[in-house]
All heavy atoms as atom14 arrays in JSON, in Angstrom:
{
  "sequence": "IETFGSTCHGAGRALSRAKSRRNLDYTDVLAQLQQKGISIRVASPKL",
  "atom14_mask": [
    [1, 1, 1, 1, 1, 1, 1, 1, 0, 0, 0, 0, 0, 0],
    [1, 1, 1, 1, 1, 1, 1, 1, 1, 0, 0, 0, 0, 0],
    [1, 1, 1, 1, 1, 1, 1, 0, 0, 0, 0, 0, 0, 0],
    [1, 1, 1, 1, 1, 1, 1, 1, 1, 1, 1, 0, 0, 0],
    [1, 1, 1, 1, 0, 0, 0, 0, 0, 0, 0, 0, 0, 0],
    [1, 1, 1, 1, 1, 1, 0, 0, 0, 0, 0, 0, 0, 0],
    [1, 1, 1, 1, 1, 1, 1, 0, 0, 0, 0, 0, 0, 0],
    [1, 1, 1, 1, 1, 1, 0, 0, 0, 0, 0, 0, 0, 0],
    [1, 1, 1, 1, 1, 1, 1, 1, 1, 1, 0, 0, 0, 0],
    [1, 1, 1, 1, 0, 0, 0, 0, 0, 0, 0, 0, 0, 0],
    [1, 1, 1, 1, 1, 0, 0, 0, 0, 0, 0, 0, 0, 0],
    [1, 1, 1, 1, 0, 0, 0, 0, 0, 0, 0, 0, 0, 0],
    [1, 1, 1, 1, 1, 1, 1, 1, 1, 1, 1, 0, 0, 0],
    [1, 1, 1, 1, 1, 0, 0, 0, 0, 0, 0, 0, 0, 0],
    [1, 1, 1, 1, 1, 1, 1, 1, 0, 0, 0, 0, 0, 0],
    [1, 1, 1, 1, 1, 1, 0, 0, 0, 0, 0, 0, 0, 0],
    [1, 1, 1, 1, 1, 1, 1, 1, 1, 1, 1, 0, 0, 0],
    [1, 1, 1, 1, 1, 0, 0, 0, 0, 0, 0, 0, 0, 0],
    [1, 1, 1, 1, 1, 1, 1, 1, 1, 0, 0, 0, 0, 0],
    [1, 1, 1, 1, 1, 1, 0, 0, 0, 0, 0, 0, 0, 0],
    [1, 1, 1, 1, 1, 1, 1, 1, 1, 1, 1, 0, 0, 0],
    [1, 1, 1, 1, 1, 1, 1, 1, 1, 1, 1, 0, 0, 0],
    [1, 1, 1, 1, 1, 1, 1, 1, 0, 0, 0, 0, 0, 0],
    [1, 1, 1, 1, 1, 1, 1, 1, 0, 0, 0, 0, 0, 0],
    [1, 1, 1, 1, 1, 1, 1, 1, 0, 0, 0, 0, 0, 0],
    [1, 1, 1, 1, 1, 1, 1, 1, 1, 1, 1, 1, 0, 0],
    [1, 1, 1, 1, 1, 1, 1, 0, 0, 0, 0, 0, 0, 0],
    [1, 1, 1, 1, 1, 1, 1, 1, 0, 0, 0, 0, 0, 0],
    [1, 1, 1, 1, 1, 1, 1, 0, 0, 0, 0, 0, 0, 0],
    [1, 1, 1, 1, 1, 1, 1, 1, 0, 0, 0, 0, 0, 0],
    [1, 1, 1, 1, 1, 0, 0, 0, 0, 0, 0, 0, 0, 0],
    [1, 1, 1, 1, 1, 1, 1, 1, 1, 0, 0, 0, 0, 0],
    [1, 1, 1, 1, 1, 1, 1, 1, 0, 0, 0, 0, 0, 0],
    [1, 1, 1, 1, 1, 1, 1, 1, 1, 0, 0, 0, 0, 0],
    [1, 1, 1, 1, 1, 1, 1, 1, 1, 0, 0, 0, 0, 0],
    [1, 1, 1, 1, 1, 1, 1, 1, 1, 0, 0, 0, 0, 0],
    [1, 1, 1, 1, 0, 0, 0, 0, 0, 0, 0, 0, 0, 0],
    [1, 1, 1, 1, 1, 1, 1, 1, 0, 0, 0, 0, 0, 0],
    [1, 1, 1, 1, 1, 1, 0, 0, 0, 0, 0, 0, 0, 0],
    [1, 1, 1, 1, 1, 1, 1, 1, 0, 0, 0, 0, 0, 0],
    [1, 1, 1, 1, 1, 1, 1, 1, 1, 1, 1, 0, 0, 0],
    [1, 1, 1, 1, 1, 1, 1, 0, 0, 0, 0, 0, 0, 0],
    [1, 1, 1, 1, 1, 0, 0, 0, 0, 0, 0, 0, 0, 0],
    [1, 1, 1, 1, 1, 1, 0, 0, 0, 0, 0, 0, 0, 0],
    [1, 1, 1, 1, 1, 1, 1, 0, 0, 0, 0, 0, 0, 0],
    [1, 1, 1, 1, 1, 1, 1, 1, 1, 0, 0, 0, 0, 0],
    [1, 1, 1, 1, 1, 1, 1, 1, 0, 0, 0, 0, 0, 0]
  ],
  "atom14_positions": [
    [[-31.44, -16.45, -20.57], [-32.79, -16.56, -21.16], [-33.76, -17.33, -20.23], [-34.91, -16.94, -20.05], [-32.68, -17.2, -22.54], [-31.87, -16.34, -23.52], [-34.06, -17.51, -23.14], [-31.32, -17.06, -24.72], [0.0, 0.0, 0.0], [0.0, 0.0, 0.0], [0.0, 0.0, 0.0], [0.0, 0.0, 0.0], [0.0, 0.0, 0.0], [0.0, 0.0, 0.0]],
    [[-33.26, -18.46, -19.69], [-34.18, -19.34, -19.0], [-34.32, -19.07, -17.51], [-35.38, -19.28, -16.92], [-33.72, -20.79, -19.17], [-33.87, -21.37, -20.57], [-33.7, -22.85, -20.61], [-33.9, -23.55, -19.6], [-33.28, -23.33, -21.7], [0.0, 0.0, 0.0], [0.0, 0.0, 0.0], [0.0, 0.0, 0.0], [0.0, 0.0, 0.0], [0.0, 0.0, 0.0]],
    [[-33.23, -18.64, -16.84], [-33.28, -18.55, -15.37], [-32.78, -17.2, -14.87], [-32.34, -17.08, -13.72], [-32.4, -19.65, -14.74], [-31.01, -19.47, -15.2], [-32.81, -21.06, -15.17], [0.0, 0.0, 0.0], [0.0, 0.0, 0.0], [0.0, 0.0, 0.0], [0.0, 0.0, 0.0], [0.0, 0.0, 0.0], [0.0, 0.0, 0.0], [0.0, 0.0, 0.0]],
    [[-32.87, -16.15, -15.7], [-32.39, -14.82, -15.32], [-30.95, -14.91, -14.82], [-30.61, -14.28, -13.83], [-33.31, -14.2, -14.28], [-34.72, -13.98, -14.76], [-35.78, -14.78, -14.34], [-35.01, -12.94, -15.68], [-37.1, -14.58, -14.82], [-36.3, -12.78, -16.12], [-37.32, -13.59, -15.73], [0.0, 0.0, 0.0], [0.0, 0.0, 0.0], [0.0, 0.0, 0.0]],
    [[-30.12, -15.68, -15.51], [-28.72, -15.77, -15.15], [-28.47, -16.4, -13.8], [-27.7, -15.9, -12.99], [0.0, 0.0, 0.0], [0.0, 0.0, 0.0], [0.0, 0.0, 0.0], [0.0, 0.0, 0.0], [0.0, 0.0, 0.0], [0.0, 0.0, 0.0], [0.0, 0.0, 0.0], [0.0, 0.0, 0.0], [0.0, 0.0, 0.0], [0.0, 0.0, 0.0]],
    [[-29.14, -17.5, -13.55], [-29.01, -18.19, -12.24], [-28.78, -19.69, -12.47], [-29.21, -20.28, -13.44], [-30.3, -18.08, -11.43], [-30.71, -16.72, -11.37], [0.0, 0.0, 0.0], [0.0, 0.0, 0.0], [0.0, 0.0, 0.0], [0.0, 0.0, 0.0], [0.0, 0.0, 0.0], [0.0, 0.0, 0.0], [0.0, 0.0, 0.0], [0.0, 0.0, 0.0]],
    [[-28.03, -20.29, -11.53], [-27.81, -21.75, -11.54], [-27.8, -22.27, -10.15], [-28.12, -21.56, -9.19], [-26.55, -22.09, -12.34], [-26.56, -23.45, -12.69], [-25.29, -21.72, -11.61], [0.0, 0.0, 0.0], [0.0, 0.0, 0.0], [0.0, 0.0, 0.0], [0.0, 0.0, 0.0], [0.0, 0.0, 0.0], [0.0, 0.0, 0.0], [0.0, 0.0, 0.0]],
    [[-27.47, -23.55, -10.02], [-27.51, -24.22, -8.69], [-26.44, -23.62, -7.73], [-25.66, -22.77, -8.11], [-27.2, -25.69, -8.86], [-25.55, -26.04, -9.5], [0.0, 0.0, 0.0], [0.0, 0.0, 0.0], [0.0, 0.0, 0.0], [0.0, 0.0, 0.0], [0.0, 0.0, 0.0], [0.0, 0.0, 0.0], [0.0, 0.0, 0.0], [0.0, 0.0, 0.0]],
    [[-26.5, -24.09, -6.45], [-25.53, -23.54, -5.51], [-24.76, -24.59, -4.77], [-23.73, -24.34, -4.13], [-26.22, -22.59, -4.48], [-26.79, -23.31, -3.3], [-27.77, -24.27, -3.38], [-26.58, -23.13, -1.95], [-28.09, -24.68, -2.17], [-27.37, -24.0, -1.3], [0.0, 0.0, 0.0], [0.0, 0.0, 0.0], [0.0, 0.0, 0.0], [0.0, 0.0, 0.0]],
    [[-25.22, -25.82, -4.8], [-24.55, -26.93, -4.07], [-25.26, -28.22, -4.26], [-25.93, -28.44, -5.3], [0.0, 0.0, 0.0], [0.0, 0.0, 0.0], [0.0, 0.0, 0.0], [0.0, 0.0, 0.0], [0.0, 0.0, 0.0], [0.0, 0.0, 0.0], [0.0, 0.0, 0.0], [0.0, 0.0, 0.0], [0.0, 0.0, 0.0], [0.0, 0.0, 0.0]],
    [[-25.17, -29.08, -3.25], [-25.76, -30.43, -3.41], [-27.23, -30.4, -3.06], [-28.03, -31.08, -3.67], [-25.0, -31.39, -2.51], [0.0, 0.0, 0.0], [0.0, 0.0, 0.0], [0.0, 0.0, 0.0], [0.0, 0.0, 0.0], [0.0, 0.0, 0.0], [0.0, 0.0, 0.0], [0.0, 0.0, 0.0], [0.0, 0.0, 0.0], [0.0, 0.0, 0.0]],
    [[-27.63, -29.66, -2.07], [-29.07, -29.64, -1.67], [-29.32, -30.81, -0.74], [-29.0, -31.95, -1.06], [0.0, 0.0, 0.0], [0.0, 0.0, 0.0], [0.0, 0.0, 0.0], [0.0, 0.0, 0.0], [0.0, 0.0, 0.0], [0.0, 0.0, 0.0], [0.0, 0.0, 0.0], [0.0, 0.0, 0.0], [0.0, 0.0, 0.0], [0.0, 0.0, 0.0]],
    [[-30.05, -30.55, 0.36], [-30.32, -31.59, 1.34], [-31.27, -32.64, 0.79], [-32.21, -32.34, 0.09], [-30.89, -31.03, 2.61], [-29.96, -30.17, 3.42], [-30.43, -29.99, 4.84], [-30.16, -31.14, 5.65], [-28.97, -31.4, 6.29], [-28.01, -30.52, 6.19], [-28.83, -32.5, 6.98], [0.0, 0.0, 0.0], [0.0, 0.0, 0.0], [0.0, 0.0, 0.0]],
    [[-31.02, -33.89, 1.17], [-31.96, -34.97, 0.84], [-32.64, -35.5, 2.12], [-33.74, -36.03, 2.13], [-31.24, -36.13, 0.14], [0.0, 0.0, 0.0], [0.0, 0.0, 0.0], [0.0, 0.0, 0.0], [0.0, 0.0, 0.0], [0.0, 0.0, 0.0], [0.0, 0.0, 0.0], [0.0, 0.0, 0.0], [0.0, 0.0, 0.0], [0.0, 0.0, 0.0]],
    [[-31.95, -35.32, 3.27], [-32.54, -35.67, 4.59], [-32.52, -34.42, 5.48], [-31.6, -33.64, 5.41], [-31.65, -36.71, 5.29], [-31.48, -38.13, 4.67], [-30.53, -38.96, 5.53], [-32.8, -38.81, 4.54], [0.0, 0.0, 0.0], [0.0, 0.0, 0.0], [0.0, 0.0, 0.0], [0.0, 0.0, 0.0], [0.0, 0.0, 0.0], [0.0, 0.0, 0.0]],
    [[-33.54, -34.32, 6.33], [-33.55, -33.2, 7.29], [-32.41, -33.4, 8.29], [-31.89, -34.53, 8.44], [-34.89, -33.17, 8.04], [-34.98, -34.28, 8.91], [0.0, 0.0, 0.0], [0.0, 0.0, 0.0], [0.0, 0.0, 0.0], [0.0, 0.0, 0.0], [0.0, 0.0, 0.0], [0.0, 0.0, 0.0], [0.0, 0.0, 0.0], [0.0, 0.0, 0.0]],
    [[-32.04, -32.33, 8.99], [-30.97, -32.42, 9.99], [-31.35, -33.46, 11.08], [-30.49, -34.27, 11.51], [-30.68, -31.03, 10.6], [-30.13, -30.06, 9.6], [-29.75, -28.72, 10.18], [-29.28, -27.84, 9.16], [-28.04, -27.85, 8.63], [-27.17, -28.69, 9.09], [-27.72, -27.02, 7.69], [0.0, 0.0, 0.0], [0.0, 0.0, 0.0], [0.0, 0.0, 0.0]],
    [[-32.58, -33.4, 11.5], [-33.03, -34.32, 12.57], [-32.94, -35.8, 12.1], [-32.45, -36.67, 12.82], [-34.49, -34.01, 12.97], [0.0, 0.0, 0.0], [0.0, 0.0, 0.0], [0.0, 0.0, 0.0], [0.0, 0.0, 0.0], [0.0, 0.0, 0.0], [0.0, 0.0, 0.0], [0.0, 0.0, 0.0], [0.0, 0.0, 0.0], [0.0, 0.0, 0.0]],
    [[-33.35, -36.04, 10.84], [-33.27, -37.36, 10.31], [-31.87, -37.9, 10.15], [-31.51, -39.0, 10.42], [-33.98, -37.42, 8.93], [-34.59, -38.77, 8.61], [-35.54, -38.63, 7.4], [-36.24, -39.98, 7.16], [-37.06, -39.91, 5.98], [0.0, 0.0, 0.0], [0.0, 0.0, 0.0], [0.0, 0.0, 0.0], [0.0, 0.0, 0.0], [0.0, 0.0, 0.0]],
    [[-30.95, -36.95, 9.78], [-29.52, -37.27, 9.61], [-28.97, -37.68, 10.97], [-28.2, -38.66, 11.06], [-28.71, -36.05, 9.08], [-29.19, -35.68, 7.86], [0.0, 0.0, 0.0], [0.0, 0.0, 0.0], [0.0, 0.0, 0.0], [0.0, 0.0, 0.0], [0.0, 0.0, 0.0], [0.0, 0.0, 0.0], [0.0, 0.0, 0.0], [0.0, 0.0, 0.0]],
    [[-29.35, -36.96, 12.02], [-28.85, -37.33, 13.36], [-29.34, -38.69, 13.81], [-28.62, -39.45, 14.47], [-29.25, -36.22, 14.37], [-28.44, -34.94, 14.24], [-28.62, -34.06, 15.47], [-30.02, -33.64, 15.66], [-30.54, -32.57, 15.1], [-29.85, -31.81, 14.33], [-31.84, -32.23, 15.3], [0.0, 0.0, 0.0], [0.0, 0.0, 0.0], [0.0, 0.0, 0.0]],
    [[-30.61, -39.0, 13.45], [-31.19, -40.29, 13.82], [-30.54, -41.45, 13.08], [-30.32, -42.53, 13.58], [-32.71, -40.3, 13.55], [-33.52, -39.51, 14.59], [-35.0, -39.96, 14.54], [-35.6, -39.74, 13.23], [-36.13, -38.61, 12.83], [-36.12, -37.55, 13.62], [-36.67, -38.49, 11.59], [0.0, 0.0, 0.0], [0.0, 0.0, 0.0], [0.0, 0.0, 0.0]],
    [[-30.25, -41.23, 11.77], [-29.83, -42.3, 10.87], [-28.34, -42.58, 10.87], [-27.87, -43.63, 10.41], [-30.27, -42.02, 9.43], [-31.79, -42.07, 9.29], [-32.47, -42.18, 10.23], [-32.25, -41.92, 8.04], [0.0, 0.0, 0.0], [0.0, 0.0, 0.0], [0.0, 0.0, 0.0], [0.0, 0.0, 0.0], [0.0, 0.0, 0.0], [0.0, 0.0, 0.0]],
    [[-27.52, -41.64, 11.29], [-26.04, -41.73, 11.08], [-25.32, -41.68, 12.43], [-25.78, -41.1, 13.38], [-25.58, -40.61, 10.17], [-26.23, -40.53, 8.77], [-25.91, -39.19, 8.09], [-25.78, -41.69, 7.88], [0.0, 0.0, 0.0], [0.0, 0.0, 0.0], [0.0, 0.0, 0.0], [0.0, 0.0, 0.0], [0.0, 0.0, 0.0], [0.0, 0.0, 0.0]],
    [[-24.17, -42.27, 12.41], [-23.29, -42.23, 13.58], [-22.05, -41.37, 13.22], [-21.39, -41.66, 12.19], [-22.87, -43.63, 13.97], [-22.06, -43.66, 15.27], [-20.93, -43.07, 15.22], [-22.53, -44.2, 16.25], [0.0, 0.0, 0.0], [0.0, 0.0, 0.0], [0.0, 0.0, 0.0], [0.0, 0.0, 0.0], [0.0, 0.0, 0.0], [0.0, 0.0, 0.0]],
    [[-21.72, -40.39, 14.04], [-20.68, -39.44, 13.63], [-19.3, -40.14, 13.56], [-18.45, -39.74, 12.76], [-20.61, -38.24, 14.58], [-20.02, -38.47, 15.96], [-18.65, -38.25, 16.15], [-20.8, -38.84, 17.01], [-18.12, -38.44, 17.39], [-20.3, -39.06, 18.28], [-18.9, -38.83, 18.49], [-18.36, -39.01, 19.72], [0.0, 0.0, 0.0], [0.0, 0.0, 0.0]],
    [[-19.06, -41.28, 14.35], [-17.77, -41.92, 14.3], [-17.65, -42.58, 12.88], [-16.53, -42.63, 12.36], [-17.65, -42.98, 15.41], [-18.81, -43.84, 15.36], [-17.51, -42.28, 16.74], [0.0, 0.0, 0.0], [0.0, 0.0, 0.0], [0.0, 0.0, 0.0], [0.0, 0.0, 0.0], [0.0, 0.0, 0.0], [0.0, 0.0, 0.0], [0.0, 0.0, 0.0]],
    [[-18.72, -43.09, 12.34], [-18.67, -43.7, 10.99], [-18.31, -42.65, 9.96], [-17.55, -42.91, 9.02], [-20.01, -44.37, 10.65], [-20.33, -45.56, 11.51], [-19.42, -46.08, 12.13], [-21.53, -45.93, 11.56], [0.0, 0.0, 0.0], [0.0, 0.0, 0.0], [0.0, 0.0, 0.0], [0.0, 0.0, 0.0], [0.0, 0.0, 0.0], [0.0, 0.0, 0.0]],
    [[-18.97, -41.5, 10.1], [-18.75, -40.4, 9.12], [-17.26, -40.0, 9.13], [-16.63, -39.84, 8.09], [-19.69, -39.19, 9.42], [-19.36, -38.08, 8.44], [-21.13, -39.59, 9.32], [0.0, 0.0, 0.0], [0.0, 0.0, 0.0], [0.0, 0.0, 0.0], [0.0, 0.0, 0.0], [0.0, 0.0, 0.0], [0.0, 0.0, 0.0], [0.0, 0.0, 0.0]],
    [[-16.75, -39.82, 10.37], [-15.3, -39.39, 10.52], [-14.36, -40.52, 9.96], [-13.38, -40.18, 9.31], [-15.01, -39.08, 11.97], [-15.71, -37.85, 12.54], [-15.42, -37.76, 14.09], [-15.28, -36.57, 11.87], [0.0, 0.0, 0.0], [0.0, 0.0, 0.0], [0.0, 0.0, 0.0], [0.0, 0.0, 0.0], [0.0, 0.0, 0.0], [0.0, 0.0, 0.0]],
    [[-14.73, -41.75, 10.18], [-13.89, -42.84, 9.67], [-13.85, -42.88, 8.16], [-12.82, -43.09, 7.52], [-14.38, -44.17, 10.2], [0.0, 0.0, 0.0], [0.0, 0.0, 0.0], [0.0, 0.0, 0.0], [0.0, 0.0, 0.0], [0.0, 0.0, 0.0], [0.0, 0.0, 0.0], [0.0, 0.0, 0.0], [0.0, 0.0, 0.0], [0.0, 0.0, 0.0]],
    [[-15.04, -42.61, 7.56], [-15.15, -42.58, 6.07], [-14.24, -41.47, 5.53], [-13.57, -41.67, 4.51], [-16.59, -42.32, 5.6], [-17.45, -43.56, 5.64], [-18.91, -43.17, 5.38], [-19.23, -42.1, 4.9], [-19.83, -44.04, 5.77], [0.0, 0.0, 0.0], [0.0, 0.0, 0.0], [0.0, 0.0, 0.0], [0.0, 0.0, 0.0], [0.0, 0.0, 0.0]],
    [[-14.25, -40.29, 6.13], [-13.44, -39.21, 5.69], [-11.94, -39.53, 5.78], [-11.17, -39.29, 4.9], [-13.69, -37.95, 6.51], [-15.07, -37.28, 6.26], [-15.32, -36.18, 7.26], [-15.21, -36.75, 4.86], [0.0, 0.0, 0.0], [0.0, 0.0, 0.0], [0.0, 0.0, 0.0], [0.0, 0.0, 0.0], [0.0, 0.0, 0.0], [0.0, 0.0, 0.0]],
    [[-11.57, -40.22, 6.86], [-10.2, -40.6, 7.07], [-9.76, -41.64, 5.98], [-8.63, -41.51, 5.41], [-10.05, -41.25, 8.47], [-8.62, -41.2, 8.96], [-8.58, -41.66, 10.48], [-9.54, -42.06, 11.0], [-7.39, -41.54, 11.03], [0.0, 0.0, 0.0], [0.0, 0.0, 0.0], [0.0, 0.0, 0.0], [0.0, 0.0, 0.0], [0.0, 0.0, 0.0]],
    [[-10.67, -42.54, 5.64], [-10.39, -43.54, 4.6], [-10.13, -42.84, 3.25], [-9.31, -43.31, 2.45], [-11.59, -44.48, 4.43], [-11.47, -45.69, 5.33], [-12.68, -46.6, 5.1], [-13.74, -46.16, 4.69], [-12.53, -47.89, 5.4], [0.0, 0.0, 0.0], [0.0, 0.0, 0.0], [0.0, 0.0, 0.0], [0.0, 0.0, 0.0], [0.0, 0.0, 0.0]],
    [[-10.82, -41.75, 3.0], [-10.64, -41.01, 1.74], [-9.43, -40.1, 1.76], [-9.15, -39.4, 0.84], [-11.86, -40.16, 1.46], [-13.14, -40.94, 1.09], [-14.29, -39.94, 0.87], [-15.59, -40.66, 0.52], [-16.7, -39.72, 0.47], [0.0, 0.0, 0.0], [0.0, 0.0, 0.0], [0.0, 0.0, 0.0], [0.0, 0.0, 0.0], [0.0, 0.0, 0.0]],
    [[-8.71, -40.13, 2.88], [-7.5, -39.31, 3.0], [-7.79, -37.81, 3.27], [-7.02, -36.93, 2.92], [0.0, 0.0, 0.0], [0.0, 0.0, 0.0], [0.0, 0.0, 0.0], [0.0, 0.0, 0.0], [0.0, 0.0, 0.0], [0.0, 0.0, 0.0], [0.0, 0.0, 0.0], [0.0, 0.0, 0.0], [0.0, 0.0, 0.0], [0.0, 0.0, 0.0]],
    [[-8.99, -37.56, 3.81], [-9.41, -36.16, 4.09], [-9.16, -35.82, 5.57], [-9.78, -36.49, 6.42], [-10.89, -35.9, 3.73], [-11.06, -36.24, 2.22], [-11.3, -34.49, 4.05], [-12.55, -36.28, 1.8], [0.0, 0.0, 0.0], [0.0, 0.0, 0.0], [0.0, 0.0, 0.0], [0.0, 0.0, 0.0], [0.0, 0.0, 0.0], [0.0, 0.0, 0.0]],
    [[-8.31, -34.86, 5.87], [-8.1, -34.41, 7.24], [-9.33, -33.57, 7.6], [-9.8, -32.78, 6.81], [-6.86, -33.55, 7.32], [-5.74, -34.3, 6.91], [0.0, 0.0, 0.0], [0.0, 0.0, 0.0], [0.0, 0.0, 0.0], [0.0, 0.0, 0.0], [0.0, 0.0, 0.0], [0.0, 0.0, 0.0], [0.0, 0.0, 0.0], [0.0, 0.0, 0.0]],
    [[-9.76, -33.72, 8.87], [-10.92, -32.93, 9.3], [-10.7, -32.36, 10.69], [-10.1, -33.02, 11.54], [-12.24, -33.76, 9.23], [-13.42, -32.88, 9.64], [-12.13, -35.02, 10.06], [-14.77, -33.36, 9.24], [0.0, 0.0, 0.0], [0.0, 0.0, 0.0], [0.0, 0.0, 0.0], [0.0, 0.0, 0.0], [0.0, 0.0, 0.0], [0.0, 0.0, 0.0]],
    [[-11.11, -31.12, 10.83], [-11.13, -30.46, 12.16], [-12.53, -29.88, 12.39], [-13.07, -29.11, 11.56], [-10.13, -29.32, 12.21], [-8.67, -29.75, 12.02], [-8.14, -30.54, 13.19], [-6.73, -30.85, 13.07], [-6.2, -31.85, 12.33], [-7.05, -32.63, 11.63], [-4.94, -32.08, 12.32], [0.0, 0.0, 0.0], [0.0, 0.0, 0.0], [0.0, 0.0, 0.0]],
    [[-13.17, -30.38, 13.42], [-14.55, -29.93, 13.73], [-14.67, -29.44, 15.12], [-14.07, -30.02, 16.01], [-15.61, -30.98, 13.44], [-15.9, -31.17, 11.97], [-15.24, -32.33, 14.08], [0.0, 0.0, 0.0], [0.0, 0.0, 0.0], [0.0, 0.0, 0.0], [0.0, 0.0, 0.0], [0.0, 0.0, 0.0], [0.0, 0.0, 0.0], [0.0, 0.0, 0.0]],
    [[-15.47, -28.38, 15.36], [-15.69, -27.87, 16.73], [-16.65, -28.86, 17.48], [-16.49, -29.08, 18.64], [-16.29, -26.49, 16.65], [0.0, 0.0, 0.0], [0.0, 0.0, 0.0], [0.0, 0.0, 0.0], [0.0, 0.0, 0.0], [0.0, 0.0, 0.0], [0.0, 0.0, 0.0], [0.0, 0.0, 0.0], [0.0, 0.0, 0.0], [0.0, 0.0, 0.0]],
    [[-17.62, -29.4, 16.74], [-18.61, -30.33, 17.42], [-18.75, -31.58, 16.52], [-19.45, -31.53, 15.54], [-19.91, -29.6, 17.55], [-20.94, -30.52, 17.89], [0.0, 0.0, 0.0], [0.0, 0.0, 0.0], [0.0, 0.0, 0.0], [0.0, 0.0, 0.0], [0.0, 0.0, 0.0], [0.0, 0.0, 0.0], [0.0, 0.0, 0.0], [0.0, 0.0, 0.0]],
    [[-18.07, -32.69, 16.91], [-18.13, -33.9, 16.08], [-19.55, -34.37, 15.77], [-19.82, -34.87, 14.72], [-17.37, -34.96, 16.9], [-16.5, -34.14, 17.81], [-17.26, -32.87, 18.1], [0.0, 0.0, 0.0], [0.0, 0.0, 0.0], [0.0, 0.0, 0.0], [0.0, 0.0, 0.0], [0.0, 0.0, 0.0], [0.0, 0.0, 0.0], [0.0, 0.0, 0.0]],
    [[-20.51, -34.14, 16.72], [-21.86, -34.69, 16.51], [-22.6, -33.93, 15.41], [-23.5, -34.47, 14.79], [-22.66, -34.64, 17.81], [-22.03, -35.66, 18.87], [-22.91, -35.93, 20.01], [-22.25, -37.0, 20.88], [-22.94, -37.33, 22.07], [0.0, 0.0, 0.0], [0.0, 0.0, 0.0], [0.0, 0.0, 0.0], [0.0, 0.0, 0.0], [0.0, 0.0, 0.0]],
    [[-22.21, -32.68, 15.17], [-22.8, -31.94, 14.06], [-22.43, -32.49, 12.71], [-23.06, -32.23, 11.69], [-22.38, -30.43, 14.09], [-23.14, -29.55, 15.13], [-22.63, -28.15, 15.06], [-24.63, -29.51, 14.85], [0.0, 0.0, 0.0], [0.0, 0.0, 0.0], [0.0, 0.0, 0.0], [0.0, 0.0, 0.0], [0.0, 0.0, 0.0], [0.0, 0.0, 0.0]]
  ]
}
């Protein structure tokens, strides 16, 4: 009725990609994932 049978798709960005690169360090991000017990494999760590 309200949205023609539609809902959200994910989290949605709060920071632009450029801002994310400026504000964050990829080693910190990878360390946080490791702390949560999440294995990660990435082609480009900086992405």
